[in-house]
Every structure is written in C-alpha cells, then in structure tokens.
Amino acid sequence: MNEWFVFRPQRAQAFGRPTDGGFIVRAGSTAMVNGSPKVKRDRPLRDKLVREGVLVPDADPDLYRFTQDYEFTSASAAAGVVKDGNSSGPQQWLHQATKTSLQDVLRSKS
C-alpha cells in the first residue's frame, strides 16, 4: 500500500504508511518529546531512536524530528513513539485524503 497516513497528537505531525514488515514513518515527521498518557510502552524504543540519531531535537523544543525514514514493527509502535504514549495505531493513523482510519482502510481492502 503506497497511500500515506497522518497522525497529529498534540503538536506533533507524522506521516507514515504500512509496509510488508510493519509501518514506516517518513523523514521530517515530528514526535512529542513528552506526551501523554503517563503509560509509555514505547518509551525505550523512542529513547533508542534518540541515541541513534533517528530522532533529533526540532526547532520546537517540545518536538523531535525524524532524520530518516524509519520502519516500525507496527502502526501502534510508530504511533506510540510519535505520541510518546500508548496509542492504537490502526485507529489513530488517518488517510491523508479521506481522513479514514488505517483500520477502516485495511478492513475495506480485505
């Protein structure tokens, strides 16, 4: 699927799409430095991406920016890193043109 989806938690804005192996977030997308809720299942992965330079501080001090495309194991893992908090990726990623959730798009194609 080559269609792009967008996720906009708080001040962040990320673009991604499903792949055969998971879900890719496009370079230039942003992620929250400190999001919500307090439960942060994907924080260790987010911290790893910061250490590796995949996520770097943005001009906005509340955001990180992706320096390269990055493939996550799932849409939920991608959403959790972007939001800095647990998130249901299939429900949160919205098709850019139709604003339909990834979950609904995938359901309609099966």
PDB file of N, CA and C in Angstrom:
ATOM      1  N   MET A   1       0.849  -1.176   0.000  1.00  0.00           N
ATOM      2  CA  MET A   1       0.000   0.000   0.000  1.00  0.00           C
ATOM      3  C   MET A   1       0.895   1.240   0.000  1.00  0.00           C
ATOM      4  N   ASN A   2       0.734   2.085  -0.990  1.00  0.00           N
ATOM      5  CA  ASN A   2       1.556   3.289  -1.100  1.00  0.00           C
ATOM      6  C   ASN A   2       0.836   4.543  -0.633  1.00  0.00           C
ATOM      7  N   GLU A   3      -0.293   4.385   0.018  1.00  0.00           N
ATOM      8  CA  GLU A   3      -1.057   5.530   0.482  1.00  0.00           C
ATOM      9  C   GLU A   3      -0.478   6.026   1.803  1.00  0.00           C
ATOM     10  N   TRP A   4      -0.410   7.358   1.966  1.00  0.00           N
ATOM     11  CA  TRP A   4       0.157   7.948   3.173  1.00  0.00           C
ATOM     12  C   TRP A   4      -0.931   8.273   4.183  1.00  0.00           C
ATOM     13  N   PHE A   5      -0.583   8.082   5.441  1.00  0.00           N
ATOM     14  CA  PHE A   5      -1.460   8.352   6.569  1.00  0.00           C
ATOM     15  C   PHE A   5      -0.798   9.397   7.453  1.00  0.00           C
ATOM     16  N   VAL A   6      -1.583  10.129   8.208  1.00  0.00           N
ATOM     17  CA  VAL A   6      -1.063  11.170   9.082  1.00  0.00           C
ATOM     18  C   VAL A   6      -1.566  10.939  10.508  1.00  0.00           C
ATOM     19  N   PHE A   7      -0.727  11.287  11.464  1.00  0.00           N
ATOM     20  CA  PHE A   7      -1.081  11.204  12.886  1.00  0.00           C
ATOM     21  C   PHE A   7      -0.628  12.510  13.517  1.00  0.00           C
ATOM     22  N   ARG A   8      -1.560  13.205  14.203  1.00  0.00           N
ATOM     23  CA  ARG A   8      -1.254  14.520  14.777  1.00  0.00           C
ATOM     24  C   ARG A   8      -1.591  14.560  16.266  1.00  0.00           C
ATOM     25  N   PRO A   9      -0.761  13.938  17.096  1.00  0.00           N
ATOM     26  CA  PRO A   9      -1.005  14.054  18.539  1.00  0.00           C
ATOM     27  C   PRO A   9      -0.408  15.350  19.082  1.00  0.00           C
ATOM     28  N   GLN A  10      -1.180  16.089  19.811  1.00  0.00           N
ATOM     29  CA  GLN A  10      -0.726  17.350  20.398  1.00  0.00           C
ATOM     30  C   GLN A  10      -0.093  18.221  19.318  1.00  0.00           C
ATOM     31  N   ARG A  11       1.193  18.551  19.424  1.00  0.00           N
ATOM     32  CA  ARG A  11       1.838  19.438  18.446  1.00  0.00           C
ATOM     33  C   ARG A  11       2.618  18.684  17.374  1.00  0.00           C
ATOM     34  N   ALA A  12       2.726  17.374  17.509  1.00  0.00           N
ATOM     35  CA  ALA A  12       3.481  16.578  16.538  1.00  0.00           C
ATOM     36  C   ALA A  12       2.643  16.321  15.284  1.00  0.00           C
ATOM     37  N   GLN A  13       3.356  16.041  14.202  1.00  0.00           N
ATOM     38  CA  GLN A  13       2.704  15.660  12.949  1.00  0.00           C
ATOM     39  C   GLN A  13       3.611  14.665  12.243  1.00  0.00           C
ATOM     40  N   ALA A  14       3.093  13.452  12.054  1.00  0.00           N
ATOM     41  CA  ALA A  14       3.891  12.405  11.423  1.00  0.00           C
ATOM     42  C   ALA A  14       3.136  11.819  10.237  1.00  0.00           C
ATOM     43  N   PHE A  15       3.903  11.404   9.230  1.00  0.00           N
ATOM     44  CA  PHE A  15       3.348  10.778   8.043  1.00  0.00           C
ATOM     45  C   PHE A  15       3.927   9.380   7.932  1.00  0.00           C
ATOM     46  N   GLY A  16       3.081   8.403   7.637  1.00  0.00           N
ATOM     47  CA  GLY A  16       3.548   7.027   7.536  1.00  0.00           C
ATOM     48  C   GLY A  16       2.646   6.197   6.655  1.00  0.00           C
ATOM     49  N   ARG A  17       3.099   4.964   6.413  1.00  0.00           N
ATOM     50  CA  ARG A  17       2.304   4.030   5.614  1.00  0.00           C
ATOM     51  C   ARG A  17       2.669   2.611   5.986  1.00  0.00           C
ATOM     52  N   PRO A  18       1.722   1.699   5.798  1.00  0.00           N
ATOM     53  CA  PRO A  18       2.010   0.289   6.073  1.00  0.00           C
ATOM     54  C   PRO A  18       3.025  -0.259   5.069  1.00  0.00           C
ATOM     55  N   THR A  19       3.820  -1.216   5.533  1.00  0.00           N
ATOM     56  CA  THR A  19       4.759  -1.934   4.678  1.00  0.00           C
ATOM     57  C   THR A  19       4.537  -3.417   4.912  1.00  0.00           C
ATOM     58  N   ASP A  20       5.206  -4.242   4.123  1.00  0.00           N
ATOM     59  CA  ASP A  20       5.099  -5.691   4.335  1.00  0.00           C
ATOM     60  C   ASP A  20       5.606  -6.084   5.717  1.00  0.00           C
ATOM     61  N   GLY A  21       6.589  -5.329   6.234  1.00  0.00           N
ATOM     62  CA  GLY A  21       7.185  -5.679   7.518  1.00  0.00           C
ATOM     63  C   GLY A  21       6.670  -4.907   8.709  1.00  0.00           C
ATOM     64  N   GLY A  22       5.782  -3.926   8.504  1.00  0.00           N
ATOM     65  CA  GLY A  22       5.305  -3.141   9.636  1.00  0.00           C
ATOM     66  C   GLY A  22       4.693  -1.831   9.207  1.00  0.00           C
ATOM     67  N   PHE A  23       5.336  -0.727   9.614  1.00  0.00           N
ATOM     68  CA  PHE A  23       4.806   0.606   9.321  1.00  0.00           C
ATOM     69  C   PHE A  23       5.981   1.573   9.280  1.00  0.00           C
ATOM     70  N   ILE A  24       6.102   2.337   8.203  1.00  0.00           N
ATOM     71  CA  ILE A  24       7.228   3.257   8.049  1.00  0.00           C
ATOM     72  C   ILE A  24       6.772   4.691   8.309  1.00  0.00           C
ATOM     73  N   VAL A  25       7.574   5.421   9.074  1.00  0.00           N
ATOM     74  CA  VAL A  25       7.335   6.842   9.306  1.00  0.00           C
ATOM     75  C   VAL A  25       8.349   7.614   8.471  1.00  0.00           C
ATOM     76  N   ARG A  26       7.853   8.602   7.767  1.00  0.00           N
ATOM     77  CA  ARG A  26       8.654   9.367   6.808  1.00  0.00           C
ATOM     78  C   ARG A  26       9.585  10.373   7.497  1.00  0.00           C
ATOM     79  N   ALA A  27      10.781  10.516   6.960  1.00  0.00           N
ATOM     80  CA  ALA A  27      11.736  11.530   7.429  1.00  0.00           C
ATOM     81  C   ALA A  27      11.069  12.900   7.404  1.00  0.00           C
ATOM     82  N   GLY A  28      11.385  13.731   8.405  1.00  0.00           N
ATOM     83  CA  GLY A  28      10.796  15.054   8.515  1.00  0.00           C
ATOM     84  C   GLY A  28       9.581  15.089   9.417  1.00  0.00           C
ATOM     85  N   SER A  29       9.010  13.913   9.704  1.00  0.00           N
ATOM     86  CA  SER A  29       7.886  13.841  10.637  1.00  0.00           C
ATOM     87  C   SER A  29       8.370  14.253  12.019  1.00  0.00           C
ATOM     88  N   THR A  30       7.437  14.677  12.873  1.00  0.00           N
ATOM     89  CA  THR A  30       7.813  15.062  14.229  1.00  0.00           C
ATOM     90  C   THR A  30       7.142  14.155  15.248  1.00  0.00           C
ATOM     91  N   ALA A  31       7.735  14.117  16.445  1.00  0.00           N
ATOM     92  CA  ALA A  31       7.254  13.300  17.562  1.00  0.00           C
ATOM     93  C   ALA A  31       7.330  14.142  18.830  1.00  0.00           C
ATOM     94  N   MET A  32       6.430  13.889  19.751  1.00  0.00           N
ATOM     95  CA  MET A  32       6.415  14.615  21.016  1.00  0.00           C
ATOM     96  C   MET A  32       7.616  14.223  21.883  1.00  0.00           C
ATOM     97  N   VAL A  33       8.249  15.208  22.527  1.00  0.00           N
ATOM     98  CA  VAL A  33       9.307  14.937  23.491  1.00  0.00           C
ATOM     99  C   VAL A  33       8.695  14.359  24.762  1.00  0.00           C
ATOM    100  N   ASN A  34       7.625  14.966  25.235  1.00  0.00           N
ATOM    101  CA  ASN A  34       6.904  14.482  26.416  1.00  0.00           C
ATOM    102  C   ASN A  34       5.416  14.517  26.122  1.00  0.00           C
ATOM    103  N   GLY A  35       4.881  13.351  25.836  1.00  0.00           N
ATOM    104  CA  GLY A  35       3.462  13.259  25.519  1.00  0.00           C
ATOM    105  C   GLY A  35       2.664  12.720  26.679  1.00  0.00           C
ATOM    106  N   SER A  36       1.498  12.247  26.352  1.00  0.00           N
ATOM    107  CA  SER A  36       0.630  11.648  27.357  1.00  0.00           C
ATOM    108  C   SER A  36      -0.049  10.462  26.711  1.00  0.00           C
ATOM    109  N   PRO A  37      -0.568   9.547  27.441  1.00  0.00           N
ATOM    110  CA  PRO A  37      -0.699   9.471  28.894  1.00  0.00           C
ATOM    111  C   PRO A  37       0.610   9.084  29.571  1.00  0.00           C
ATOM    112  N   LYS A  38       0.530   8.856  30.856  1.00  0.00           N
ATOM    113  CA  LYS A  38       1.737   8.520  31.619  1.00  0.00           C
ATOM    114  C   LYS A  38       2.289   7.137  31.279  1.00  0.00           C
ATOM    115  N   VAL A  39       1.428   6.229  30.795  1.00  0.00           N
ATOM    116  CA  VAL A  39       1.881   4.894  30.410  1.00  0.00           C
ATOM    117  C   VAL A  39       2.575   5.006  29.056  1.00  0.00           C
ATOM    118  N   LYS A  40       3.848   4.635  29.019  1.00  0.00           N
ATOM    119  CA  LYS A  40       4.659   4.829  27.821  1.00  0.00           C
ATOM    120  C   LYS A  40       5.356   3.528  27.426  1.00  0.00           C
ATOM    121  N   ARG A  41       4.580   2.616  26.880  1.00  0.00           N
ATOM    122  CA  ARG A  41       5.084   1.304  26.476  1.00  0.00           C
ATOM    123  C   ARG A  41       6.245   1.424  25.491  1.00  0.00           C
ATOM    124  N   ASP A  42       6.220   2.428  24.622  1.00  0.00           N
ATOM    125  CA  ASP A  42       7.226   2.544  23.569  1.00  0.00           C
ATOM    126  C   ASP A  42       8.355   3.520  23.898  1.00  0.00           C
ATOM    127  N   ARG A  43       8.440   3.990  25.132  1.00  0.00           N
ATOM    128  CA  ARG A  43       9.488   4.946  25.529  1.00  0.00           C
ATOM    129  C   ARG A  43      10.884   4.360  25.329  1.00  0.00           C
ATOM    130  N   PRO A  44      11.150   3.084  25.684  1.00  0.00           N
ATOM    131  CA  PRO A  44      12.505   2.555  25.447  1.00  0.00           C
ATOM    132  C   PRO A  44      12.906   2.606  23.970  1.00  0.00           C
ATOM    133  N   LEU A  45      11.977   2.300  23.071  1.00  0.00           N
ATOM    134  CA  LEU A  45      12.279   2.381  21.641  1.00  0.00           C
ATOM    135  C   LEU A  45      12.519   3.830  21.238  1.00  0.00           C
ATOM    136  N   ARG A  46      11.704   4.752  21.730  1.00  0.00           N
ATOM    137  CA  ARG A  46      11.880   6.171  21.420  1.00  0.00           C
ATOM    138  C   ARG A  46      13.256   6.639  21.880  1.00  0.00           C
ATOM    139  N   ASP A  47      13.649   6.265  23.092  1.00  0.00           N
ATOM    140  CA  ASP A  47      14.956   6.658  23.614  1.00  0.00           C
ATOM    141  C   ASP A  47      16.090   6.078  22.770  1.00  0.00           C
ATOM    142  N   LYS A  48      15.920   4.858  22.286  1.00  0.00           N
ATOM    143  CA  LYS A  48      16.912   4.222  21.409  1.00  0.00           C
ATOM    144  C   LYS A  48      17.046   5.015  20.105  1.00  0.00           C
ATOM    145  N   LEU A  49      15.923   5.449  19.541  1.00  0.00           N
ATOM    146  CA  LEU A  49      15.961   6.221  18.298  1.00  0.00           C
ATOM    147  C   LEU A  49      16.646   7.569  18.506  1.00  0.00           C
ATOM    148  N   VAL A  50      16.491   8.155  19.678  1.00  0.00           N
ATOM    149  CA  VAL A  50      17.194   9.405  20.002  1.00  0.00           C
ATOM    150  C   VAL A  50      18.696   9.139  20.071  1.00  0.00           C
ATOM    151  N   ARG A  51      19.096   8.072  20.778  1.00  0.00           N
ATOM    152  CA  ARG A  51      20.528   7.734  20.891  1.00  0.00           C
ATOM    153  C   ARG A  51      21.150   7.476  19.526  1.00  0.00           C
ATOM    154  N   GLU A  52      20.382   6.864  18.622  1.00  0.00           N
ATOM    155  CA  GLU A  52      20.906   6.509  17.297  1.00  0.00           C
ATOM    156  C   GLU A  52      20.827   7.666  16.298  1.00  0.00           C
ATOM    157  N   GLY A  53      20.234   8.789  16.683  1.00  0.00           N
ATOM    158  CA  GLY A  53      20.141   9.935  15.794  1.00  0.00           C
ATOM    159  C   GLY A  53      19.002   9.864  14.792  1.00  0.00           C
ATOM    160  N   VAL A  54      18.123   8.884  14.932  1.00  0.00           N
ATOM    161  CA  VAL A  54      16.938   8.815  14.069  1.00  0.00           C
ATOM    162  C   VAL A  54      15.974   9.933  14.456  1.00  0.00           C
ATOM    163  N   LEU A  55      15.887  10.218  15.756  1.00  0.00           N
ATOM    164  CA  LEU A  55      15.107  11.338  16.273  1.00  0.00           C
ATOM    165  C   LEU A  55      16.075  12.365  16.857  1.00  0.00           C
ATOM    166  N   VAL A  56      15.945  13.610  16.420  1.00  0.00           N
ATOM    167  CA  VAL A  56      16.793  14.691  16.924  1.00  0.00           C
ATOM    168  C   VAL A  56      15.894  15.834  17.386  1.00  0.00           C
ATOM    169  N   PRO A  57      16.421  16.694  18.280  1.00  0.00           N
ATOM    170  CA  PRO A  57      15.615  17.835  18.708  1.00  0.00           C
ATOM    171  C   PRO A  57      15.212  18.704  17.519  1.00  0.00           C
ATOM    172  N   ASP A  58      13.965  19.137  17.527  1.00  0.00           N
ATOM    173  CA  ASP A  58      13.410  20.008  16.498  1.00  0.00           C
ATOM    174  C   ASP A  58      13.620  21.465  16.925  1.00  0.00           C
ATOM    175  N   ALA A  59      13.356  22.416  16.039  1.00  0.00           N
ATOM    176  CA  ALA A  59      13.394  23.836  16.401  1.00  0.00           C
ATOM    177  C   ALA A  59      12.378  24.137  17.505  1.00  0.00           C
ATOM    178  N   ASP A  60      11.272  23.407  17.506  1.00  0.00           N
ATOM    179  CA  ASP A  60      10.273  23.493  18.581  1.00  0.00           C
ATOM    180  C   ASP A  60      10.769  22.602  19.723  1.00  0.00           C
ATOM    181  N   PRO A  61      11.044  23.145  20.903  1.00  0.00           N
ATOM    182  CA  PRO A  61      11.619  22.339  21.984  1.00  0.00           C
ATOM    183  C   PRO A  61      10.700  21.213  22.493  1.00  0.00           C
ATOM    184  N   ASP A  62       9.437  21.209  22.112  1.00  0.00           N
ATOM    185  CA  ASP A  62       8.521  20.143  22.520  1.00  0.00           C
ATOM    186  C   ASP A  62       8.521  18.964  21.562  1.00  0.00           C
ATOM    187  N   LEU A  63       9.319  19.062  20.496  1.00  0.00           N
ATOM    188  CA  LEU A  63       9.272  18.043  19.445  1.00  0.00           C
ATOM    189  C   LEU A  63      10.648  17.460  19.111  1.00  0.00           C
ATOM    190  N   TYR A  64      10.621  16.213  18.652  1.00  0.00           N
ATOM    191  CA  TYR A  64      11.749  15.582  17.960  1.00  0.00           C
ATOM    192  C   TYR A  64      11.380  15.539  16.482  1.00  0.00           C
ATOM    193  N   ARG A  65      12.412  15.439  15.636  1.00  0.00           N
ATOM    194  CA  ARG A  65      12.190  15.304  14.192  1.00  0.00           C
ATOM    195  C   ARG A  65      12.889  14.028  13.710  1.00  0.00           C
ATOM    196  N   PHE A  66      12.221  13.273  12.834  1.00  0.00           N
ATOM    197  CA  PHE A  66      12.816  12.083  12.220  1.00  0.00           C
ATOM    198  C   PHE A  66      13.817  12.526  11.162  1.00  0.00           C
ATOM    199  N   THR A  67      15.060  12.050  11.262  1.00  0.00           N
ATOM    200  CA  THR A  67      16.104  12.410  10.306  1.00  0.00           C
ATOM    201  C   THR A  67      16.107  11.498   9.087  1.00  0.00           C
ATOM    202  N   GLN A  68      15.385  10.400   9.175  1.00  0.00           N
ATOM    203  CA  GLN A  68      15.329   9.423   8.084  1.00  0.00           C
ATOM    204  C   GLN A  68      14.018   8.661   8.182  1.00  0.00           C
ATOM    205  N   ASP A  69      13.642   7.994   7.093  1.00  0.00           N
ATOM    206  CA  ASP A  69      12.507   7.088   7.158  1.00  0.00           C
ATOM    207  C   ASP A  69      12.849   5.995   8.156  1.00  0.00           C
ATOM    208  N   TYR A  70      11.860   5.576   8.948  1.00  0.00           N
ATOM    209  CA  TYR A  70      12.126   4.526   9.928  1.00  0.00           C
ATOM    210  C   TYR A  70      10.957   3.547   9.925  1.00  0.00           C
ATOM    211  N   GLU A  71      11.295   2.249   9.796  1.00  0.00           N
ATOM    212  CA  GLU A  71      10.267   1.205   9.782  1.00  0.00           C
ATOM    213  C   GLU A  71      10.081   0.617  11.179  1.00  0.00           C
ATOM    214  N   PHE A  72       8.872   0.735  11.688  1.00  0.00           N
ATOM    215  CA  PHE A  72       8.476   0.158  12.969  1.00  0.00           C
ATOM    216  C   PHE A  72       7.855  -1.212  12.729  1.00  0.00           C
ATOM    217  N   THR A  73       7.748  -1.993  13.779  1.00  0.00           N
ATOM    218  CA  THR A  73       7.151  -3.324  13.644  1.00  0.00           C
ATOM    219  C   THR A  73       5.643  -3.255  13.469  1.00  0.00           C
ATOM    220  N   SER A  74       5.029  -2.136  13.847  1.00  0.00           N
ATOM    221  CA  SER A  74       3.576  -1.997  13.734  1.00  0.00           C
ATOM    222  C   SER A  74       3.187  -0.526  13.706  1.00  0.00           C
ATOM    223  N   ALA A  75       1.948  -0.272  13.279  1.00  0.00           N
ATOM    224  CA  ALA A  75       1.416   1.093  13.286  1.00  0.00           C
ATOM    225  C   ALA A  75       1.274   1.599  14.718  1.00  0.00           C
ATOM    226  N   SER A  76       1.000   0.696  15.652  1.00  0.00           N
ATOM    227  CA  SER A  76       0.856   1.104  17.054  1.00  0.00           C
ATOM    228  C   SER A  76       2.200   1.507  17.656  1.00  0.00           C
ATOM    229  N   ALA A  77       3.264   0.772  17.335  1.00  0.00           N
ATOM    230  CA  ALA A  77       4.596   1.149  17.829  1.00  0.00           C
ATOM    231  C   ALA A  77       4.992   2.508  17.273  1.00  0.00           C
ATOM    232  N   ALA A  78       4.700   2.752  15.997  1.00  0.00           N
ATOM    233  CA  ALA A  78       5.003   4.052  15.389  1.00  0.00           C
ATOM    234  C   ALA A  78       4.211   5.155  16.077  1.00  0.00           C
ATOM    235  N   ALA A  79       2.929   4.925  16.298  1.00  0.00           N
ATOM    236  CA  ALA A  79       2.086   5.933  16.951  1.00  0.00           C
ATOM    237  C   ALA A  79       2.544   6.179  18.383  1.00  0.00           C
ATOM    238  N   GLY A  80       2.947   5.125  19.092  1.00  0.00           N
ATOM    239  CA  GLY A  80       3.411   5.273  20.468  1.00  0.00           C
ATOM    240  C   GLY A  80       4.656   6.130  20.569  1.00  0.00           C
ATOM    241  N   VAL A  81       5.570   5.982  19.616  1.00  0.00           N
ATOM    242  CA  VAL A  81       6.786   6.797  19.613  1.00  0.00           C
ATOM    243  C   VAL A  81       6.446   8.239  19.249  1.00  0.00           C
ATOM    244  N   VAL A  82       5.592   8.436  18.262  1.00  0.00           N
ATOM    245  CA  VAL A  82       5.220   9.792  17.846  1.00  0.00           C
ATOM    246  C   VAL A  82       4.484  10.519  18.968  1.00  0.00           C
ATOM    247  N   LYS A  83       3.589   9.823  19.646  1.00  0.00           N
ATOM    248  CA  LYS A  83       2.785  10.430  20.708  1.00  0.00           C
ATOM    249  C   LYS A  83       3.529  10.502  22.035  1.00  0.00           C
ATOM    250  N   ASP A  84       4.543   9.637  22.210  1.00  0.00           N
ATOM    251  CA  ASP A  84       5.206   9.424  23.494  1.00  0.00           C
ATOM    252  C   ASP A  84       4.175   8.980  24.525  1.00  0.00           C
ATOM    253  N   GLY A  85       3.411   7.991  24.122  1.00  0.00           N
ATOM    254  CA  GLY A  85       2.406   7.398  24.999  1.00  0.00           C
ATOM    255  C   GLY A  85       1.699   6.293  24.240  1.00  0.00           C
ATOM    256  N   ASN A  86       1.097   5.376  24.954  1.00  0.00           N
ATOM    257  CA  ASN A  86       0.411   4.268  24.302  1.00  0.00           C
ATOM    258  C   ASN A  86      -0.651   4.782  23.344  1.00  0.00           C
ATOM    259  N   SER A  87      -0.761   4.106  22.194  1.00  0.00           N
ATOM    260  CA  SER A  87      -1.708   4.547  21.173  1.00  0.00           C
ATOM    261  C   SER A  87      -2.075   3.376  20.278  1.00  0.00           C
ATOM    262  N   SER A  88      -3.307   3.339  19.836  1.00  0.00           N
ATOM    263  CA  SER A  88      -3.761   2.339  18.878  1.00  0.00           C
ATOM    264  C   SER A  88      -3.507   2.867  17.472  1.00  0.00           C
ATOM    265  N   GLY A  89      -2.429   2.435  16.884  1.00  0.00           N
ATOM    266  CA  GLY A  89      -2.059   2.915  15.558  1.00  0.00           C
ATOM    267  C   GLY A  89      -3.135   2.739  14.503  1.00  0.00           C
ATOM    268  N   PRO A  90      -3.761   1.549  14.400  1.00  0.00           N
ATOM    269  CA  PRO A  90      -4.777   1.382  13.365  1.00  0.00           C
ATOM    270  C   PRO A  90      -5.937   2.378  13.477  1.00  0.00           C
ATOM    271  N   GLN A  91      -6.215   2.836  14.672  1.00  0.00           N
ATOM    272  CA  GLN A  91      -7.296   3.810  14.845  1.00  0.00           C
ATOM    273  C   GLN A  91      -6.811   5.247  14.709  1.00  0.00           C
ATOM    274  N   GLN A  92      -5.541   5.508  15.038  1.00  0.00           N
ATOM    275  CA  GLN A  92      -5.031   6.883  15.074  1.00  0.00           C
ATOM    276  C   GLN A  92      -4.469   7.395  13.750  1.00  0.00           C
ATOM    277  N   TRP A  93      -3.863   6.517  12.954  1.00  0.00           N
ATOM    278  CA  TRP A  93      -3.314   6.959  11.673  1.00  0.00           C
ATOM    279  C   TRP A  93      -4.472   7.158  10.705  1.00  0.00           C
ATOM    280  N   LEU A  94      -4.596   8.362  10.134  1.00  0.00           N
ATOM    281  CA  LEU A  94      -5.698   8.702   9.239  1.00  0.00           C
ATOM    282  C   LEU A  94      -5.193   8.904   7.815  1.00  0.00           C
ATOM    283  N   HIS A  95      -5.925   8.356   6.851  1.00  0.00           N
ATOM    284  CA  HIS A  95      -5.586   8.523   5.440  1.00  0.00           C
ATOM    285  C   HIS A  95      -5.566  10.013   5.120  1.00  0.00           C
ATOM    286  N   GLN A  96      -4.520  10.480   4.470  1.00  0.00           N
ATOM    287  CA  GLN A  96      -4.364  11.912   4.215  1.00  0.00           C
ATOM    288  C   GLN A  96      -5.537  12.513   3.452  1.00  0.00           C
ATOM    289  N   ALA A  97      -6.004  11.838   2.436  1.00  0.00           N
ATOM    290  CA  ALA A  97      -7.046  12.416   1.578  1.00  0.00           C
ATOM    291  C   ALA A  97      -8.447  12.238   2.159  1.00  0.00           C
ATOM    292  N   THR A  98      -8.732  11.055   2.693  1.00  0.00           N
ATOM    293  CA  THR A  98     -10.111  10.750   3.104  1.00  0.00           C
ATOM    294  C   THR A  98     -10.353  10.893   4.602  1.00  0.00           C
ATOM    295  N   LYS A  99      -9.282  10.997   5.392  1.00  0.00           N
ATOM    296  CA  LYS A  99      -9.366  11.054   6.860  1.00  0.00           C
ATOM    297  C   LYS A  99      -9.967   9.780   7.451  1.00  0.00           C
ATOM    298  N   THR A 100      -9.905   8.694   6.695  1.00  0.00           N
ATOM    299  CA  THR A 100     -10.358   7.385   7.154  1.00  0.00           C
ATOM    300  C   THR A 100      -9.232   6.720   7.923  1.00  0.00           C
ATOM    301  N   SER A 101      -9.556   6.051   9.019  1.00  0.00           N
ATOM    302  CA  SER A 101      -8.513   5.405   9.820  1.00  0.00           C
ATOM    303  C   SER A 101      -7.850   4.271   9.046  1.00  0.00           C
ATOM    304  N   LEU A 102      -6.602   3.993   9.392  1.00  0.00           N
ATOM    305  CA  LEU A 102      -5.878   2.867   8.809  1.00  0.00           C
ATOM    306  C   LEU A 102      -6.671   1.583   9.002  1.00  0.00           C
ATOM    307  N   GLN A 103      -7.246   1.416  10.170  1.00  0.00           N
ATOM    308  CA  GLN A 103      -8.049   0.226  10.475  1.00  0.00           C
ATOM    309  C   GLN A 103      -9.184   0.069   9.466  1.00  0.00           C
ATOM    310  N   ASP A 104      -9.910   1.144   9.183  1.00  0.00           N
ATOM    311  CA  ASP A 104     -11.029   1.073   8.237  1.00  0.00           C
ATOM    312  C   ASP A 104     -10.554   0.859   6.802  1.00  0.00           C
ATOM    313  N   VAL A 105      -9.443   1.471   6.432  1.00  0.00           N
ATOM    314  CA  VAL A 105      -8.897   1.281   5.088  1.00  0.00           C
ATOM    315  C   VAL A 105      -8.494  -0.181   4.886  1.00  0.00           C
ATOM    316  N   LEU A 106      -7.796  -0.750   5.864  1.00  0.00           N
ATOM    317  CA  LEU A 106      -7.373  -2.151   5.753  1.00  0.00           C
ATOM    318  C   LEU A 106      -8.572  -3.079   5.743  1.00  0.00           C
ATOM    319  N   ARG A 107      -9.555  -2.781   6.533  1.00  0.00           N
ATOM    320  CA  ARG A 107     -10.774  -3.601   6.580  1.00  0.00           C
ATOM    321  C   ARG A 107     -11.491  -3.579   5.234  1.00  0.00           C
ATOM    322  N   SER A 108     -11.535  -2.430   4.585  1.00  0.00           N
ATOM    323  CA  SER A 108     -12.239  -2.310   3.307  1.00  0.00           C
ATOM    324  C   SER A 108     -11.496  -3.011   2.173  1.00  0.00           C
ATOM    325  N   LYS A 109     -10.188  -3.233   2.330  1.00  0.00           N
ATOM    326  CA  LYS A 109      -9.395  -3.896   1.289  1.00  0.00           C
ATOM    327  C   LYS A 109      -9.382  -5.406   1.444  1.00  0.00           C
ATOM    328  N   SER A 110      -9.883  -5.907   2.584  1.00  0.00           N
ATOM    329  CA  SER A 110      -9.849  -7.372   2.780  1.00  0.00           C
ATOM    330  C   SER A 110     -11.153  -8.007   2.387  1.00  0.00           C
TER     331      SER A 110
END
